Every structure is written in structure tokens, then in C-alpha cells.
C-alpha atoms as a PDB file:
ATOM      1  CA  MET A   1       0.968  -7.613  36.535  1.00  0.00           C
ATOM      2  CA  GLU A   2       3.935  -8.311  34.263  1.00  0.00           C
ATOM      3  CA  LEU A   3       4.375 -10.985  31.607  1.00  0.00           C
ATOM      4  CA  ARG A   4       7.455 -12.120  33.533  1.00  0.00           C
ATOM      5  CA  HIS A   5       5.290 -12.782  36.604  1.00  0.00           C
ATOM      6  CA  LEU A   6       2.781 -14.749  34.512  1.00  0.00           C
ATOM      7  CA  ARG A   7       5.553 -16.811  32.943  1.00  0.00           C
ATOM      8  CA  TYR A   8       7.026 -17.647  36.364  1.00  0.00           C
ATOM      9  CA  PHE A   9       3.541 -18.464  37.680  1.00  0.00           C
ATOM     10  CA  SER A  10       2.756 -20.707  34.708  1.00  0.00           C
ATOM     11  CA  VAL A  11       5.962 -22.746  35.097  1.00  0.00           C
ATOM     12  CA  LEU A  12       5.483 -23.113  38.866  1.00  0.00           C
ATOM     13  CA  ALA A  13       1.827 -24.118  38.319  1.00  0.00           C
ATOM     14  CA  GLU A  14       3.056 -26.943  36.057  1.00  0.00           C
ATOM     15  CA  GLU A  15       5.940 -28.102  38.247  1.00  0.00           C
ATOM     16  CA  LEU A  16       4.386 -27.449  41.681  1.00  0.00           C
ATOM     17  CA  HIS A  17       7.932 -27.380  42.987  1.00  0.00           C
ATOM     18  CA  PHE A  18       9.992 -24.222  43.481  1.00  0.00           C
ATOM     19  CA  GLY A  19      13.342 -25.919  42.831  1.00  0.00           C
ATOM     20  CA  ARG A  20      12.293 -27.528  39.535  1.00  0.00           C
ATOM     21  CA  ALA A  21      10.459 -24.381  38.385  1.00  0.00           C
ATOM     22  CA  ALA A  22      13.517 -22.211  39.148  1.00  0.00           C
ATOM     23  CA  ALA A  23      15.722 -24.609  37.187  1.00  0.00           C
ATOM     24  CA  ARG A  24      13.414 -24.444  34.142  1.00  0.00           C
ATOM     25  CA  LEU A  25      13.444 -20.680  34.332  1.00  0.00           C
ATOM     26  CA  ALA A  26      17.229 -20.583  34.791  1.00  0.00           C
ATOM     27  CA  ILE A  27      16.943 -18.482  37.944  1.00  0.00           C
ATOM     28  CA  SER A  28      17.469 -19.150  41.653  1.00  0.00           C
ATOM     29  CA  GLN A  29      14.576 -19.840  44.023  1.00  0.00           C
ATOM     30  CA  PRO A  30      14.543 -16.484  45.894  1.00  0.00           C
ATOM     31  CA  PRO A  31      13.734 -14.348  42.810  1.00  0.00           C
ATOM     32  CA  LEU A  32      11.002 -16.850  41.896  1.00  0.00           C
ATOM     33  CA  SER A  33       9.465 -16.613  45.374  1.00  0.00           C
ATOM     34  CA  VAL A  34       9.602 -12.797  45.228  1.00  0.00           C
ATOM     35  CA  ALA A  35       7.935 -12.735  41.797  1.00  0.00           C
ATOM     36  CA  ILE A  36       5.128 -15.030  42.949  1.00  0.00           C
ATOM     37  CA  ARG A  37       4.470 -12.845  46.025  1.00  0.00           C
ATOM     38  CA  GLN A  38       4.393  -9.745  43.798  1.00  0.00           C
ATOM     39  CA  LEU A  39       1.908 -11.437  41.493  1.00  0.00           C
ATOM     40  CA  GLU A  40      -0.301 -12.469  44.431  1.00  0.00           C
ATOM     41  CA  ASP A  41      -0.207  -8.892  45.714  1.00  0.00           C
ATOM     42  CA  SER A  42      -1.190  -7.618  42.261  1.00  0.00           C
ATOM     43  CA  VAL A  43      -4.035 -10.127  41.930  1.00  0.00           C
ATOM     44  CA  GLY A  44      -5.157  -9.691  45.522  1.00  0.00           C
ATOM     45  CA  ALA A  45      -5.390 -13.421  46.244  1.00  0.00           C
ATOM     46  CA  ARG A  46      -3.165 -16.322  47.222  1.00  0.00           C
ATOM     47  CA  LEU A  47      -2.334 -18.460  44.219  1.00  0.00           C
ATOM     48  CA  PHE A  48      -0.405 -21.304  45.912  1.00  0.00           C
ATOM     49  CA  GLU A  49      -0.640 -23.216  49.165  1.00  0.00           C
ATOM     50  CA  ARG A  50       2.860 -24.175  50.197  1.00  0.00           C
ATOM     51  CA  ASN A  51       4.362 -26.018  53.139  1.00  0.00           C
ATOM     52  CA  SER A  52       7.486 -28.039  53.708  1.00  0.00           C
ATOM     53  CA  LYS A  53       6.065 -31.036  51.837  1.00  0.00           C
ATOM     54  CA  GLU A  54       4.186 -29.693  48.824  1.00  0.00           C
ATOM     55  CA  VAL A  55       3.032 -26.791  46.691  1.00  0.00           C
ATOM     56  CA  ARG A  56      -0.587 -26.714  45.523  1.00  0.00           C
ATOM     57  CA  LEU A  57      -2.664 -24.315  43.426  1.00  0.00           C
ATOM     58  CA  THR A  58      -5.446 -22.550  45.275  1.00  0.00           C
ATOM     59  CA  PRO A  59      -8.839 -22.202  43.511  1.00  0.00           C
ATOM     60  CA  ALA A  60      -7.734 -18.651  42.549  1.00  0.00           C
ATOM     61  CA  GLY A  61      -4.484 -20.103  41.139  1.00  0.00           C
ATOM     62  CA  GLN A  62      -6.398 -22.703  39.132  1.00  0.00           C
ATOM     63  CA  ALA A  63      -8.600 -19.948  37.676  1.00  0.00           C
ATOM     64  CA  LEU A  64      -5.564 -17.865  36.740  1.00  0.00           C
ATOM     65  CA  GLN A  65      -3.645 -20.751  35.165  1.00  0.00           C
ATOM     66  CA  ALA A  66      -5.823 -21.018  32.040  1.00  0.00           C
ATOM     67  CA  SER A  67      -5.903 -17.249  31.550  1.00  0.00           C
ATOM     68  CA  ALA A  68      -2.137 -17.031  32.022  1.00  0.00           C
ATOM     69  CA  ARG A  69      -1.583 -19.621  29.286  1.00  0.00           C
ATOM     70  CA  ARG A  70      -3.781 -17.680  26.869  1.00  0.00           C
ATOM     71  CA  LEU A  71      -2.083 -14.361  27.655  1.00  0.00           C
ATOM     72  CA  LEU A  72       1.404 -15.820  27.252  1.00  0.00           C
ATOM     73  CA  ALA A  73       0.418 -17.458  23.956  1.00  0.00           C
ATOM     74  CA  GLN A  74      -1.032 -14.160  22.692  1.00  0.00           C
ATOM     75  CA  ALA A  75       2.104 -12.316  23.736  1.00  0.00           C
ATOM     76  CA  GLU A  76       4.279 -14.797  21.870  1.00  0.00           C
ATOM     77  CA  GLU A  77       2.050 -14.572  18.798  1.00  0.00           C
ATOM     78  CA  ALA A  78       2.262 -10.774  18.895  1.00  0.00           C
ATOM     79  CA  ALA A  79       6.055 -10.929  19.182  1.00  0.00           C
ATOM     80  CA  LEU A  80       6.277 -13.341  16.244  1.00  0.00           C
ATOM     81  CA  GLU A  81       4.021 -11.126  14.146  1.00  0.00           C
ATOM     82  CA  ALA A  82       6.131  -8.074  14.983  1.00  0.00           C
ATOM     83  CA  ARG A  83       9.308  -9.915  13.970  1.00  0.00           C
ATOM     84  CA  ASP A  84       7.706 -11.108  10.728  1.00  0.00           C
ATOM     85  CA  VAL A  85       6.565  -7.576   9.881  1.00  0.00           C
ATOM     86  CA  ALA A  86      10.012  -6.181  10.646  1.00  0.00           C
ATOM     87  CA  ALA A  87      11.537  -8.841   8.398  1.00  0.00           C
ATOM     88  CA  GLY A  88       9.011  -8.121   5.626  1.00  0.00           C
ATOM     89  CA  SER A  89       7.458 -11.591   5.611  1.00  0.00           C
ATOM     90  CA  ALA A  90       4.062 -10.578   7.051  1.00  0.00           C
ATOM     91  CA  GLY A  91       1.858  -7.540   7.566  1.00  0.00           C
ATOM     92  CA  ARG A  92      -0.401  -5.504   5.324  1.00  0.00           C
ATOM     93  CA  LEU A  93      -0.039  -3.025   2.498  1.00  0.00           C
ATOM     94  CA  ARG A  94      -2.752  -0.513   1.624  1.00  0.00           C
ATOM     95  CA  ILE A  95      -2.057   0.694  -1.899  1.00  0.00           C
ATOM     96  CA  GLY A  96      -3.585   3.513  -3.914  1.00  0.00           C
ATOM     97  CA  PHE A  97      -3.084   3.897  -7.640  1.00  0.00           C
ATOM     98  CA  VAL A  98      -4.107   5.941 -10.641  1.00  0.00           C
ATOM     99  CA  GLY A  99      -5.703   3.898 -13.407  1.00  0.00           C
ATOM    100  CA  ALA A 100      -2.816   4.220 -15.852  1.00  0.00           C
ATOM    101  CA  MET A 101      -0.658   2.138 -13.476  1.00  0.00           C
ATOM    102  CA  LEU A 102      -2.674  -0.899 -14.557  1.00  0.00           C
ATOM    103  CA  TYR A 103      -0.811  -0.611 -17.880  1.00  0.00           C
ATOM    104  CA  ARG A 104       2.594   0.189 -16.387  1.00  0.00           C
ATOM    105  CA  GLY A 105       3.366  -3.154 -14.783  1.00  0.00           C
ATOM    106  CA  LEU A 106       1.595  -2.702 -11.431  1.00  0.00           C
ATOM    107  CA  PRO A 107      -0.528  -5.894 -11.678  1.00  0.00           C
ATOM    108  CA  GLN A 108       2.536  -7.949 -12.612  1.00  0.00           C
ATOM    109  CA  ALA A 109       4.538  -6.462  -9.738  1.00  0.00           C
ATOM    110  CA  LEU A 110       1.722  -7.185  -7.276  1.00  0.00           C
ATOM    111  CA  ARG A 111       1.402 -10.769  -8.480  1.00  0.00           C
ATOM    112  CA  ALA A 112       5.148 -11.385  -8.079  1.00  0.00           C
ATOM    113  CA  PHE A 113       5.213  -9.652  -4.682  1.00  0.00           C
ATOM    114  CA  GLN A 114       2.262 -11.678  -3.379  1.00  0.00           C
ATOM    115  CA  ALA A 115       3.887 -14.919  -4.531  1.00  0.00           C
ATOM    116  CA  GLY A 116       6.982 -14.071  -2.525  1.00  0.00           C
ATOM    117  CA  HIS A 117       5.079 -12.697   0.483  1.00  0.00           C
ATOM    118  CA  PRO A 118       1.962 -14.879   0.874  1.00  0.00           C
ATOM    119  CA  ALA A 119       1.381 -13.718   4.466  1.00  0.00           C
ATOM    120  CA  VAL A 120       1.158 -10.042   3.462  1.00  0.00           C
ATOM    121  CA  ARG A 121      -2.416  -8.787   3.018  1.00  0.00           C
ATOM    122  CA  ILE A 122      -2.701  -6.311   0.145  1.00  0.00           C
ATOM    123  CA  THR A 123      -5.676  -4.019  -0.432  1.00  0.00           C
ATOM    124  CA  LEU A 124      -6.016  -1.793  -3.506  1.00  0.00           C
ATOM    125  CA  ALA A 125      -7.923   1.442  -4.083  1.00  0.00           C
ATOM    126  CA  GLU A 126      -8.104   3.279  -7.411  1.00  0.00           C
ATOM    127  CA  LEU A 127      -7.932   6.960  -6.474  1.00  0.00           C
ATOM    128  CA  ASN A 128      -6.788  10.114  -8.182  1.00  0.00           C
ATOM    129  CA  SER A 129      -3.523  11.715  -7.113  1.00  0.00           C
ATOM    130  CA  GLY A 130      -5.101  14.235  -4.730  1.00  0.00           C
ATOM    131  CA  GLU A 131      -7.207  11.585  -3.023  1.00  0.00           C
ATOM    132  CA  GLN A 132      -4.165   9.379  -2.518  1.00  0.00           C
ATOM    133  CA  ILE A 133      -2.159  12.202  -0.966  1.00  0.00           C
ATOM    134  CA  ALA A 134      -4.988  12.878   1.493  1.00  0.00           C
ATOM    135  CA  GLU A 135      -5.262   9.178   2.379  1.00  0.00           C
ATOM    136  CA  LEU A 136      -1.518   8.912   2.922  1.00  0.00           C
ATOM    137  CA  LEU A 137      -1.521  11.946   5.211  1.00  0.00           C
ATOM    138  CA  HIS A 138      -4.329  10.378   7.278  1.00  0.00           C
ATOM    139  CA  ASP A 139      -2.476   7.020   7.469  1.00  0.00           C
ATOM    140  CA  ARG A 140      -5.136   5.234   5.434  1.00  0.00           C
ATOM    141  CA  LEU A 141      -2.666   4.230   2.701  1.00  0.00           C
ATOM    142  CA  ASP A 142       0.877   2.901   2.952  1.00  0.00           C
ATOM    143  CA  LEU A 143       1.897   3.512  -0.657  1.00  0.00           C
ATOM    144  CA  GLY A 144       0.462   5.494  -3.546  1.00  0.00           C
ATOM    145  CA  PHE A 145       1.126   5.711  -7.268  1.00  0.00           C
ATOM    146  CA  VAL A 146       0.357   9.212  -8.510  1.00  0.00           C
ATOM    147  CA  HIS A 147       0.878  11.612 -11.405  1.00  0.00           C
ATOM    148  CA  THR A 148       1.919  14.706  -9.486  1.00  0.00           C
ATOM    149  CA  SER A 149       5.291  15.714  -8.064  1.00  0.00           C
ATOM    150  CA  ARG A 150       3.807  18.337  -5.736  1.00  0.00           C
ATOM    151  CA  MET A 151       4.061  16.706  -2.311  1.00  0.00           C
ATOM    152  CA  PRO A 152       3.505  17.854   1.287  1.00  0.00           C
ATOM    153  CA  ALA A 153       6.624  17.739   3.462  1.00  0.00           C
ATOM    154  CA  GLN A 154       5.238  14.693   5.322  1.00  0.00           C
ATOM    155  CA  LEU A 155       5.504  12.518   2.195  1.00  0.00           C
ATOM    156  CA  ARG A 156       8.400  11.066   0.221  1.00  0.00           C
ATOM    157  CA  GLN A 157       8.364  10.259  -3.480  1.00  0.00           C
ATOM    158  CA  GLN A 158      10.264   8.328  -6.124  1.00  0.00           C
ATOM    159  CA  LEU A 159      10.041   9.042  -9.842  1.00  0.00           C
ATOM    160  CA  LEU A 160       9.139   5.767 -11.524  1.00  0.00           C
ATOM    161  CA  LEU A 161       8.426   6.564 -15.139  1.00  0.00           C
ATOM    162  CA  VAL A 162       8.488   9.351 -17.710  1.00  0.00           C
ATOM    163  CA  GLU A 163       6.629   8.736 -20.955  1.00  0.00           C
ATOM    164  CA  PRO A 164       5.176  10.886 -23.751  1.00  0.00           C
ATOM    165  CA  PHE A 165       1.561  11.766 -24.284  1.00  0.00           C
ATOM    166  CA  VAL A 166       0.015  10.270 -27.420  1.00  0.00           C
ATOM    167  CA  CYS A 167      -3.196  11.039 -29.242  1.00  0.00           C
ATOM    168  CA  CYS A 168      -6.105   8.621 -28.808  1.00  0.00           C
ATOM    169  CA  LEU A 169      -8.508   8.594 -31.763  1.00  0.00           C
ATOM    170  CA  PRO A 170     -11.581   6.649 -32.863  1.00  0.00           C
ATOM    171  CA  ALA A 171     -10.395   3.911 -35.212  1.00  0.00           C
ATOM    172  CA  GLN A 172     -12.528   5.290 -38.061  1.00  0.00           C
ATOM    173  CA  HIS A 173     -11.370   8.884 -37.606  1.00  0.00           C
ATOM    174  CA  ARG A 174      -9.841  10.570 -40.659  1.00  0.00           C
ATOM    175  CA  LEU A 175      -6.648  11.289 -38.672  1.00  0.00           C
ATOM    176  CA  ALA A 176      -6.186   7.620 -37.817  1.00  0.00           C
ATOM    177  CA  ARG A 177      -4.655   7.143 -41.275  1.00  0.00           C
ATOM    178  CA  LYS A 178      -1.684   9.299 -40.306  1.00  0.00           C
ATOM    179  CA  ARG A 179       1.322   7.667 -38.623  1.00  0.00           C
ATOM    180  CA  VAL A 180       2.321  10.801 -36.665  1.00  0.00           C
ATOM    181  CA  LEU A 181       0.114  13.753 -35.732  1.00  0.00           C
ATOM    182  CA  ALA A 182       0.889  17.420 -35.353  1.00  0.00           C
ATOM    183  CA  LEU A 183      -0.845  19.297 -32.581  1.00  0.00           C
ATOM    184  CA  ASP A 184      -2.414  21.539 -35.190  1.00  0.00           C
ATOM    185  CA  ASP A 185      -4.243  18.459 -36.584  1.00  0.00           C
ATOM    186  CA  LEU A 186      -6.357  18.477 -33.410  1.00  0.00           C
ATOM    187  CA  ARG A 187      -7.341  22.124 -33.472  1.00  0.00           C
ATOM    188  CA  GLU A 188     -10.965  21.579 -34.518  1.00  0.00           C
ATOM    189  CA  GLU A 189     -11.530  18.284 -32.725  1.00  0.00           C
ATOM    190  CA  PRO A 190     -13.824  17.771 -29.696  1.00  0.00           C
ATOM    191  CA  PHE A 191     -11.812  16.542 -26.686  1.00  0.00           C
ATOM    192  CA  VAL A 192     -12.418  14.050 -23.924  1.00  0.00           C
ATOM    193  CA  LEU A 193     -10.489  15.281 -20.892  1.00  0.00           C
ATOM    194  CA  PHE A 194      -9.713  14.481 -17.276  1.00  0.00           C
ATOM    195  CA  ALA A 195     -11.887  16.674 -15.048  1.00  0.00           C
ATOM    196  CA  ARG A 196      -9.978  19.503 -13.389  1.00  0.00           C
ATOM    197  CA  SER A 197     -11.553  18.609 -10.031  1.00  0.00           C
ATOM    198  CA  VAL A 198     -10.160  15.072 -10.292  1.00  0.00           C
ATOM    199  CA  SER A 199      -6.650  15.741 -11.589  1.00  0.00           C
ATOM    200  CA  PRO A 200      -5.792  19.437 -11.859  1.00  0.00           C
ATOM    201  CA  ASP A 201      -2.209  18.619 -12.880  1.00  0.00           C
ATOM    202  CA  TYR A 202      -3.254  16.506 -15.864  1.00  0.00           C
ATOM    203  CA  HIS A 203      -6.046  18.850 -16.827  1.00  0.00           C
ATOM    204  CA  GLU A 204      -3.641  21.784 -16.963  1.00  0.00           C
ATOM    205  CA  ARG A 205      -0.927  19.695 -18.641  1.00  0.00           C
ATOM    206  CA  ILE A 206      -3.179  18.803 -21.549  1.00  0.00           C
ATOM    207  CA  LEU A 207      -4.448  22.362 -21.911  1.00  0.00           C
ATOM    208  CA  SER A 208      -0.812  23.462 -21.951  1.00  0.00           C
ATOM    209  CA  ILE A 209       0.059  20.955 -24.680  1.00  0.00           C
ATOM    210  CA  CYS A 210      -2.791  22.276 -26.809  1.00  0.00           C
ATOM    211  CA  ALA A 211      -1.631  25.833 -26.125  1.00  0.00           C
ATOM    212  CA  GLN A 212       1.733  24.872 -27.603  1.00  0.00           C
ATOM    213  CA  GLY A 213      -0.190  24.077 -30.783  1.00  0.00           C
ATOM    214  CA  GLY A 214      -1.811  27.513 -30.711  1.00  0.00           C
ATOM    215  CA  PHE A 215      -5.340  26.544 -29.695  1.00  0.00           C
ATOM    216  CA  ARG A 216      -7.575  25.861 -26.716  1.00  0.00           C
ATOM    217  CA  PRO A 217      -9.383  22.516 -27.043  1.00  0.00           C
ATOM    218  CA  GLU A 218     -13.138  22.250 -27.201  1.00  0.00           C
ATOM    219  CA  VAL A 219     -13.781  19.999 -24.207  1.00  0.00           C
ATOM    220  CA  ARG A 220     -16.952  17.994 -24.757  1.00  0.00           C
ATOM    221  CA  HIS A 221     -16.639  15.406 -21.992  1.00  0.00           C
ATOM    222  CA  GLU A 222     -14.823  15.309 -18.633  1.00  0.00           C
ATOM    223  CA  VAL A 223     -14.297  12.033 -16.765  1.00  0.00           C
ATOM    224  CA  ARG A 224     -12.500  10.619 -13.729  1.00  0.00           C
ATOM    225  CA  HIS A 225     -10.413   7.737 -15.136  1.00  0.00           C
ATOM    226  CA  TRP A 226      -8.075   7.213 -18.080  1.00  0.00           C
ATOM    227  CA  LEU A 227      -9.911   4.056 -19.107  1.00  0.00           C
ATOM    228  CA  ALA A 228     -13.113   6.113 -19.315  1.00  0.00           C
ATOM    229  CA  VAL A 229     -11.265   8.600 -21.540  1.00  0.00           C
ATOM    230  CA  VAL A 230     -10.192   5.843 -23.939  1.00  0.00           C
ATOM    231  CA  SER A 231     -13.631   4.207 -23.809  1.00  0.00           C
ATOM    232  CA  LEU A 232     -15.449   7.402 -24.821  1.00  0.00           C
ATOM    233  CA  VAL A 233     -12.949   7.972 -27.632  1.00  0.00           C
ATOM    234  CA  SER A 234     -13.469   4.396 -28.849  1.00  0.00           C
ATOM    235  CA  GLN A 235     -17.191   5.199 -29.144  1.00  0.00           C
ATOM    236  CA  GLY A 236     -16.451   8.152 -31.411  1.00  0.00           C
ATOM    237  CA  LEU A 237     -17.206  10.864 -28.838  1.00  0.00           C
ATOM    238  CA  GLY A 238     -13.997  12.819 -29.275  1.00  0.00           C
ATOM    239  CA  VAL A 239     -10.206  12.641 -29.248  1.00  0.00           C
ATOM    240  CA  ALA A 240      -7.846  12.733 -26.277  1.00  0.00           C
ATOM    241  CA  LEU A 241      -4.239  13.126 -25.246  1.00  0.00           C
ATOM    242  CA  VAL A 242      -3.303  10.227 -22.962  1.00  0.00           C
ATOM    243  CA  PRO A 243      -0.131   8.734 -21.442  1.00  0.00           C
ATOM    244  CA  HIS A 244       1.712   6.324 -23.728  1.00  0.00           C
ATOM    245  CA  ALA A 245       0.882   3.436 -21.347  1.00  0.00           C
ATOM    246  CA  MET A 246      -2.791   3.635 -22.292  1.00  0.00           C
ATOM    247  CA  ARG A 247      -1.923   2.069 -25.657  1.00  0.00           C
ATOM    248  CA  ARG A 248      -1.897  -1.209 -23.730  1.00  0.00           C
ATOM    249  CA  SER A 249      -5.560  -0.853 -22.763  1.00  0.00           C
ATOM    250  CA  ALA A 250      -6.428  -2.561 -26.074  1.00  0.00           C
ATOM    251  CA  LEU A 251      -9.967  -1.199 -26.232  1.00  0.00           C
ATOM    252  CA  ARG A 252     -11.539  -2.025 -29.572  1.00  0.00           C
ATOM    253  CA  GLY A 253     -12.377   1.072 -31.571  1.00  0.00           C
ATOM    254  CA  ALA A 254      -9.517   3.222 -30.242  1.00  0.00           C
ATOM    255  CA  VAL A 255      -6.151   3.818 -31.909  1.00  0.00           C
ATOM    256  CA  PHE A 256      -3.113   5.734 -30.706  1.00  0.00           C
ATOM    257  CA  ARG A 257      -0.747   7.959 -32.651  1.00  0.00           C
ATOM    258  CA  PRO A 258       2.459   9.674 -31.511  1.00  0.00           C
ATOM    259  CA  LEU A 259       2.752  13.440 -31.602  1.00  0.00           C
ATOM    260  CA  GLU A 260       5.452  15.370 -33.386  1.00  0.00           C
ATOM    261  CA  HIS A 261       8.334  16.937 -31.460  1.00  0.00           C
ATOM    262  CA  GLY A 262       7.837  14.882 -28.269  1.00  0.00           C
ATOM    263  CA  VAL A 263       5.575  17.329 -26.440  1.00  0.00           C
ATOM    264  CA  ALA A 264       5.034  17.257 -22.671  1.00  0.00           C
ATOM    265  CA  GLN A 265       5.732  14.074 -20.755  1.00  0.00           C
ATOM    266  CA  SER A 266       3.558  12.082 -18.369  1.00  0.00           C
ATOM    267  CA  GLU A 267       5.220  11.153 -15.078  1.00  0.00           C
ATOM    268  CA  ALA A 268       4.419   8.490 -12.497  1.00  0.00           C
ATOM    269  CA  TYR A 269       5.624   8.596  -8.892  1.00  0.00           C
ATOM    270  CA  GLY A 270       5.614   6.227  -5.951  1.00  0.00           C
ATOM    271  CA  VAL A 271       4.637   8.100  -2.758  1.00  0.00           C
ATOM    272  CA  TRP A 272       4.773   7.098   0.910  1.00  0.00           C
ATOM    273  CA  ARG A 273       4.862   8.673   4.367  1.00  0.00           C
ATOM    274  CA  ALA A 274       8.124   9.987   5.741  1.00  0.00           C
ATOM    275  CA  GLY A 275       9.391   8.202   8.835  1.00  0.00           C
ATOM    276  CA  PRO A 276      10.878   4.824   9.726  1.00  0.00           C
ATOM    277  CA  ALA A 277      11.534   2.624   6.701  1.00  0.00           C
ATOM    278  CA  ASN A 278       8.787   0.163   5.802  1.00  0.00           C
ATOM    279  CA  VAL A 279      10.452  -2.893   4.282  1.00  0.00           C
ATOM    280  CA  LEU A 280       7.221  -3.959   2.533  1.00  0.00           C
ATOM    281  CA  VAL A 281       6.901  -0.579   0.800  1.00  0.00           C
ATOM    282  CA  GLU A 282      10.545  -0.725  -0.253  1.00  0.00           C
ATOM    283  CA  ARG A 283      10.237  -4.229  -1.684  1.00  0.00           C
ATOM    284  CA  LEU A 284       7.037  -3.495  -3.598  1.00  0.00           C
ATOM    285  CA  LEU A 285       8.539  -0.321  -5.080  1.00  0.00           C
ATOM    286  CA  GLN A 286      11.521  -2.360  -6.237  1.00  0.00           C
ATOM    287  CA  GLY A 287       9.137  -4.828  -7.865  1.00  0.00           C
ATOM    288  CA  VAL A 288       7.210  -2.067  -9.622  1.00  0.00           C
ATOM    289  CA  VAL A 289      10.423  -0.559 -10.995  1.00  0.00           C
ATOM    290  CA  ALA A 290      11.467  -3.993 -12.271  1.00  0.00           C
ATOM    291  CA  SER A 291       8.040  -4.473 -13.939  1.00  0.00           C
ATOM    292  CA  LEU A 292       7.894  -1.095 -15.688  1.00  0.00           C
ATOM    293  CA  PRO A 293       7.653  -1.450 -19.454  1.00  0.00           C
ATOM    294  CA  GLY A 294      10.898  -0.703 -21.224  1.00  0.00           C
END
């Protein structure tokens, strides 16, 4: 059974006249008659009673008429949805992000994107970089925002932002009085750090920064999210090295100071699956780039 057969059947069921139905369909009568016979063969029942005076629906034809209308309407709806998705005006986006993206313009970009694409359904999941890569590979995310440049061959990436690490201190800490800190200032301080199991890249990056200062940090607390890092620091439980964007978290009790000599940088990447271009992914990435803090 083909959609073409159902369309021909539906028009003939309305007109009950082969000549008028053929004219509506912009075909001649013989192809219409052939299509109706093929449909009857496929269904296994006669759908029309026809003689030299009239054409009438059989009970089987009457039963099929309502179903044919529904199927044709669903097919048209599916075609419209496919065209809208291809044009980028409808569809869905499943987005993963690391917490620092909340302070790098992601919420603003999402708000602007949603205003321009109200028919697009967006779902968000805060995940670390490794989790996002796994979800992308299993087609459970369409776009990720991560901190690592190490990507499987099945994924594509775009560098979005490079920013320095800064030191996060309790507001009452003795070092908070200084405008700029040297790494050596932190030698004896307890650290709050991203857990290695959550973000091995960041864990190693921060240990490497401390190594540049000639010491290995005393790690007191390990957490899963940057906001948790800043929150623990604000409660006086240690110091931390965090991406510059975290200054915008505005948690009371935490202050941020730049480090001398512009030590290692924090990077943010947009990541998506290789393959046919997804216009929604492309447009959202453009919006994120436009919303990045200067």
C-alpha cells in the first residue's frame, strides 16, 4: 500500500466520479483506475461499486476512508516537520555543558536562540567533559560544551574561549589584600580541587600550574562542579585555582585575584558528532560565540 494509492482513493471517495477525481489529481482516468485496482488487491477487498451510472463506496471502502484521511494527514505533518527541521525552525536540541559555561554567556545565548526558534525543544544536562563525550558518542546529546580538546575521531570541535586561571580565596584570607598573587603565595595553602575522576584534564592542569610554582598542593577537598569549588572556598575551607569566568559567580565570601605571569589557560570547546550538518547546532554555536564575554 502506497501513499499515492491512498491519496487517489481519498479523492475518488470524495468525488465518486472517475473523471472528476482524475482532473483533481491532474492525471488521466486509466492510471487512476489502475491505482485503485492495485489498492484493492493490496487490501484484499473491493472498495468501490462501479457501473455505467455511478460509483459508490463499499462498506470496506467506507471503513478505509477515515483511516486513509488520518494516514495522509500524518504523512503531511511528518513532511512539514522534516522541512521545518531542515530549515532550522523546529526540532530538538539536547545540550550538555560544564558548569563554568553558565558564566560564559551560555544562558544568554540559549535565551536568544529560544526566542528566535520557539518551536525548538531544548533540554540541558550539566555533565563533566568525559560524560558529555560518552553521551555524544551514544547519540544522547546533540551538542556539548567541554574543557578538553582530546576528542574521538567521531566528534568535531570548535574552540570557543581561552581565559586565564585565577586564584579564588576566602574574602577574609590574608592574601585577599594583595592585588596580584604569585604561585609561591599558595605553597602552604589547603586546596579545593576538581576530582581527578570527574575532570582529569583540569585536575592535572591545576597540579601542573602548582608545579610551575615549585610545590605540590595539599588537596583537602575534591568536588564535581566549579560552583562547588567556589562555594567551599567562600566558606573558608581552602583556596582554589579556577577559570576567570567563575568571577561572575558572585558568591558572597569569595574573592578572585589574578596570578602573575599569566600561567596556564582554561579552554572551552563546543563539541558535536561528525556527519551531516545540523543547522540547529550551527546556529546555537554562533549564538554562544556572540554571547561570550569580551
